[in-house]
Amino acid sequence: MTAAPDVVLVSSSDEKQRRLITNALRDRLPVRTATGAETTAASLDASIAVVVVDATTVDLSVGALDTDDERTFHQVLWLDRSAETTAEQVDAVLDRDASGEAIRTTVERLQLRARYDWLLTTFYELAAVGESTDTASDTAHDREQELEAIKRELDRVAAQLDDSDAFDIALDE
């Protein structure tokens, strides 16, 4: 089983803004930075849980954050309420001058959403493999133990999410 996404990617061409966001997050979360649209898109990989986009300085469309990889679970925090990007296109929107605490709280919630999404997908993929194999083998026993561990982690993460977040993820919205 691959590791759950947990890295926050902060995308801003404004060094001061990038530093403020990074400093607000770094003590609790692993953070990487990007300075533009190309470096942001190039940095998207399976380790990314949340992409924080300073939309006033990075000329990036929401569509550029979509990847062809079905195993990418990142959530998007868009920092610019004045942009044409709406809350329906991203996972959260804040003003660019939001406090560090507001950004940290939102990113932590989005990271939980990404983890829940990854856990659900992993659980269903593993369960589907289990349905097509012999249940008497050691591999099946190991898979059952892994499924139980994922169920426990799903319950732990779900308890930290509000109902609407859990339903949005389960319904792939």
Protein backbone atom coordinates (compact mmCIF):
# COMPACT_ATOMS: atom_id res chain seq x y z
CA MET A 1 0.00 0.00 0.00
CA THR A 2 1.36 3.41 -0.94
CA ALA A 3 1.55 6.22 1.57
CA ALA A 4 -1.36 8.59 1.99
CA PRO A 5 -0.91 12.08 0.57
CA ASP A 6 0.16 14.57 3.23
CA VAL A 7 2.26 17.31 1.58
CA VAL A 8 0.96 20.84 1.08
CA LEU A 9 2.06 22.56 -2.12
CA VAL A 10 2.06 26.36 -1.82
CA SER A 11 1.96 28.15 -5.17
CA SER A 12 2.72 31.87 -5.23
CA SER A 13 5.12 34.00 -7.23
CA ASP A 14 5.10 36.58 -4.41
CA GLU A 15 7.99 35.54 -2.16
CA LYS A 16 6.59 37.36 0.90
CA GLN A 17 3.14 35.74 0.52
CA ARG A 18 4.68 32.32 -0.11
CA ARG A 19 6.80 32.68 3.04
CA LEU A 20 3.79 33.79 5.14
CA ILE A 21 1.71 30.81 4.03
CA THR A 22 4.60 28.37 4.41
CA ASN A 23 5.42 29.66 7.89
CA ALA A 24 1.78 29.28 8.95
CA LEU A 25 1.83 25.62 7.91
CA ARG A 26 5.35 24.30 8.31
CA ASP A 27 5.20 23.58 12.05
CA ARG A 28 2.37 21.06 11.53
CA LEU A 29 2.54 19.90 7.92
CA PRO A 30 5.16 19.05 5.30
CA VAL A 31 5.26 21.91 2.78
CA ARG A 32 6.71 22.33 -0.71
CA THR A 33 6.61 25.52 -2.75
CA ALA A 34 6.13 26.47 -6.38
CA THR A 35 6.58 29.90 -7.93
CA GLY A 36 4.38 29.68 -11.01
CA ALA A 37 1.89 27.69 -13.04
CA GLU A 38 4.47 25.41 -14.66
CA THR A 39 6.27 24.54 -11.44
CA THR A 40 2.94 23.98 -9.71
CA ALA A 41 1.69 21.56 -12.36
CA ALA A 42 5.08 19.81 -12.46
CA SER A 43 5.04 19.39 -8.66
CA LEU A 44 1.72 17.53 -8.54
CA ASP A 45 2.35 13.95 -7.51
CA ALA A 46 0.80 11.33 -5.25
CA SER A 47 2.32 12.90 -2.11
CA ILE A 48 0.35 16.16 -2.49
CA ALA A 49 -2.73 16.45 -0.27
CA VAL A 50 -3.46 20.16 -0.63
CA VAL A 51 -2.54 22.78 -3.22
CA VAL A 52 -2.71 26.35 -1.93
CA VAL A 53 -2.88 28.72 -4.91
CA ASP A 54 -2.26 32.44 -4.52
CA ALA A 55 -4.40 33.20 -7.57
CA THR A 56 -3.47 36.88 -7.64
CA THR A 57 0.16 36.06 -8.48
CA VAL A 58 0.01 32.72 -10.28
CA ASP A 59 -1.64 32.57 -13.69
CA LEU A 60 -3.08 29.12 -13.23
CA SER A 61 -6.43 27.70 -14.21
CA VAL A 62 -8.16 25.20 -11.97
CA GLY A 63 -8.13 22.76 -14.89
CA ALA A 64 -4.32 22.80 -14.89
CA LEU A 65 -4.46 21.11 -11.48
CA ASP A 66 -6.32 18.10 -12.86
CA THR A 67 -4.03 15.20 -13.54
CA ASP A 68 -4.56 12.07 -15.58
CA ASP A 69 -3.54 10.02 -12.56
CA GLU A 70 -6.63 8.54 -10.91
CA ARG A 71 -4.56 8.04 -7.75
CA THR A 72 -4.14 11.78 -7.15
CA PHE A 73 -6.20 13.02 -4.23
CA HIS A 74 -5.22 16.64 -3.74
CA GLN A 75 -7.63 19.30 -2.53
CA VAL A 76 -7.37 22.92 -3.71
CA LEU A 77 -7.42 26.07 -1.57
CA TRP A 78 -7.80 29.13 -3.81
CA LEU A 79 -6.62 32.40 -2.28
CA ASP A 80 -8.59 35.07 -4.17
CA ARG A 81 -12.31 35.57 -3.68
CA SER A 82 -12.38 38.18 -6.45
CA ALA A 83 -11.34 35.73 -9.16
CA GLU A 84 -13.83 34.09 -11.48
CA THR A 85 -13.01 30.78 -9.86
CA THR A 86 -15.93 29.75 -7.72
CA ALA A 87 -16.21 27.50 -4.73
CA GLU A 88 -17.75 24.85 -7.01
CA GLN A 89 -14.49 24.59 -8.97
CA VAL A 90 -12.16 24.26 -5.97
CA ASP A 91 -12.44 22.77 -2.50
CA ALA A 92 -12.12 26.03 -0.54
CA VAL A 93 -11.72 29.74 -1.22
CA LEU A 94 -10.25 32.36 1.12
CA ASP A 95 -9.21 35.96 0.69
CA ARG A 96 -5.55 36.40 -0.16
CA ASP A 97 -5.04 38.33 3.08
CA ALA A 98 -6.62 35.63 5.26
CA SER A 99 -4.88 35.09 8.57
CA GLY A 100 -2.32 32.36 9.01
CA GLU A 101 -4.71 30.65 11.42
CA ALA A 102 -7.55 30.67 8.85
CA ILE A 103 -5.24 29.23 6.21
CA ARG A 104 -3.87 26.58 8.60
CA THR A 105 -7.36 25.53 9.75
CA THR A 106 -8.62 25.29 6.17
CA VAL A 107 -5.55 23.38 4.97
CA GLU A 108 -5.79 20.91 7.87
CA ARG A 109 -9.45 20.26 6.97
CA LEU A 110 -8.56 19.80 3.29
CA GLN A 111 -5.70 17.48 4.22
CA LEU A 112 -8.16 15.33 6.18
CA ARG A 113 -10.46 15.30 3.13
CA ALA A 114 -7.56 14.16 0.91
CA ARG A 115 -6.62 11.44 3.41
CA TYR A 116 -10.23 10.25 3.66
CA ASP A 117 -10.49 10.13 -0.14
CA TRP A 118 -7.26 8.13 -0.37
CA LEU A 119 -8.38 5.72 2.36
CA LEU A 120 -11.80 5.14 0.75
CA THR A 121 -10.26 4.49 -2.65
CA THR A 122 -7.61 2.19 -1.19
CA PHE A 123 -10.24 0.30 0.81
CA TYR A 124 -12.48 -0.28 -2.21
CA GLU A 125 -9.57 -1.30 -4.46
CA LEU A 126 -8.31 -3.77 -1.88
CA ALA A 127 -11.80 -5.14 -1.24
CA ALA A 128 -12.35 -5.63 -4.99
CA VAL A 129 -9.13 -7.65 -5.24
CA GLY A 130 -10.28 -9.74 -2.28
CA GLU A 131 -13.53 -10.66 -4.00
CA SER A 132 -11.69 -12.19 -6.93
CA THR A 133 -9.16 -14.32 -5.02
CA ASP A 134 -9.16 -17.43 -2.86
CA THR A 135 -10.09 -16.47 0.70
CA ALA A 136 -8.20 -19.39 2.28
CA SER A 137 -4.71 -18.18 1.37
CA ASP A 138 -2.22 -16.29 3.53
CA THR A 139 -2.49 -13.39 1.09
CA ALA A 140 -6.24 -13.21 1.70
CA HIS A 141 -5.63 -13.21 5.46
CA ASP A 142 -3.08 -10.40 5.09
CA ARG A 143 -5.53 -8.47 2.92
CA GLU A 144 -8.27 -8.87 5.54
CA GLN A 145 -5.94 -7.50 8.20
CA GLU A 146 -5.04 -4.57 5.96
CA LEU A 147 -8.74 -3.90 5.28
CA GLU A 148 -9.42 -3.87 9.02
CA ALA A 149 -6.56 -1.42 9.58
CA ILE A 150 -7.89 0.84 6.81
CA LYS A 151 -11.41 0.66 8.31
CA ARG A 152 -10.06 1.79 11.68
CA GLU A 153 -8.19 4.68 10.05
CA LEU A 154 -11.30 5.61 8.02
CA ASP A 155 -13.31 5.76 11.23
CA ARG A 156 -10.65 7.91 12.90
CA VAL A 157 -10.47 10.37 10.00
CA ALA A 158 -14.26 10.43 9.49
CA ALA A 159 -14.70 11.38 13.15
CA GLN A 160 -12.63 14.51 12.48
CA LEU A 161 -14.60 15.53 9.38
CA ASP A 162 -18.02 17.10 9.36
CA ASP A 163 -20.78 15.14 7.63
CA SER A 164 -20.80 17.30 4.50
CA ASP A 165 -17.06 16.81 3.93
CA ALA A 166 -17.35 13.04 4.37
CA PHE A 167 -20.33 12.86 2.00
CA ASP A 168 -18.64 15.10 -0.59
CA ILE A 169 -15.61 12.82 -0.64
CA ALA A 170 -17.66 9.62 -0.69
CA LEU A 171 -19.71 10.99 -3.60
CA ASP A 172 -16.52 12.19 -5.34
CA GLU A 173 -17.55 15.85 -5.36
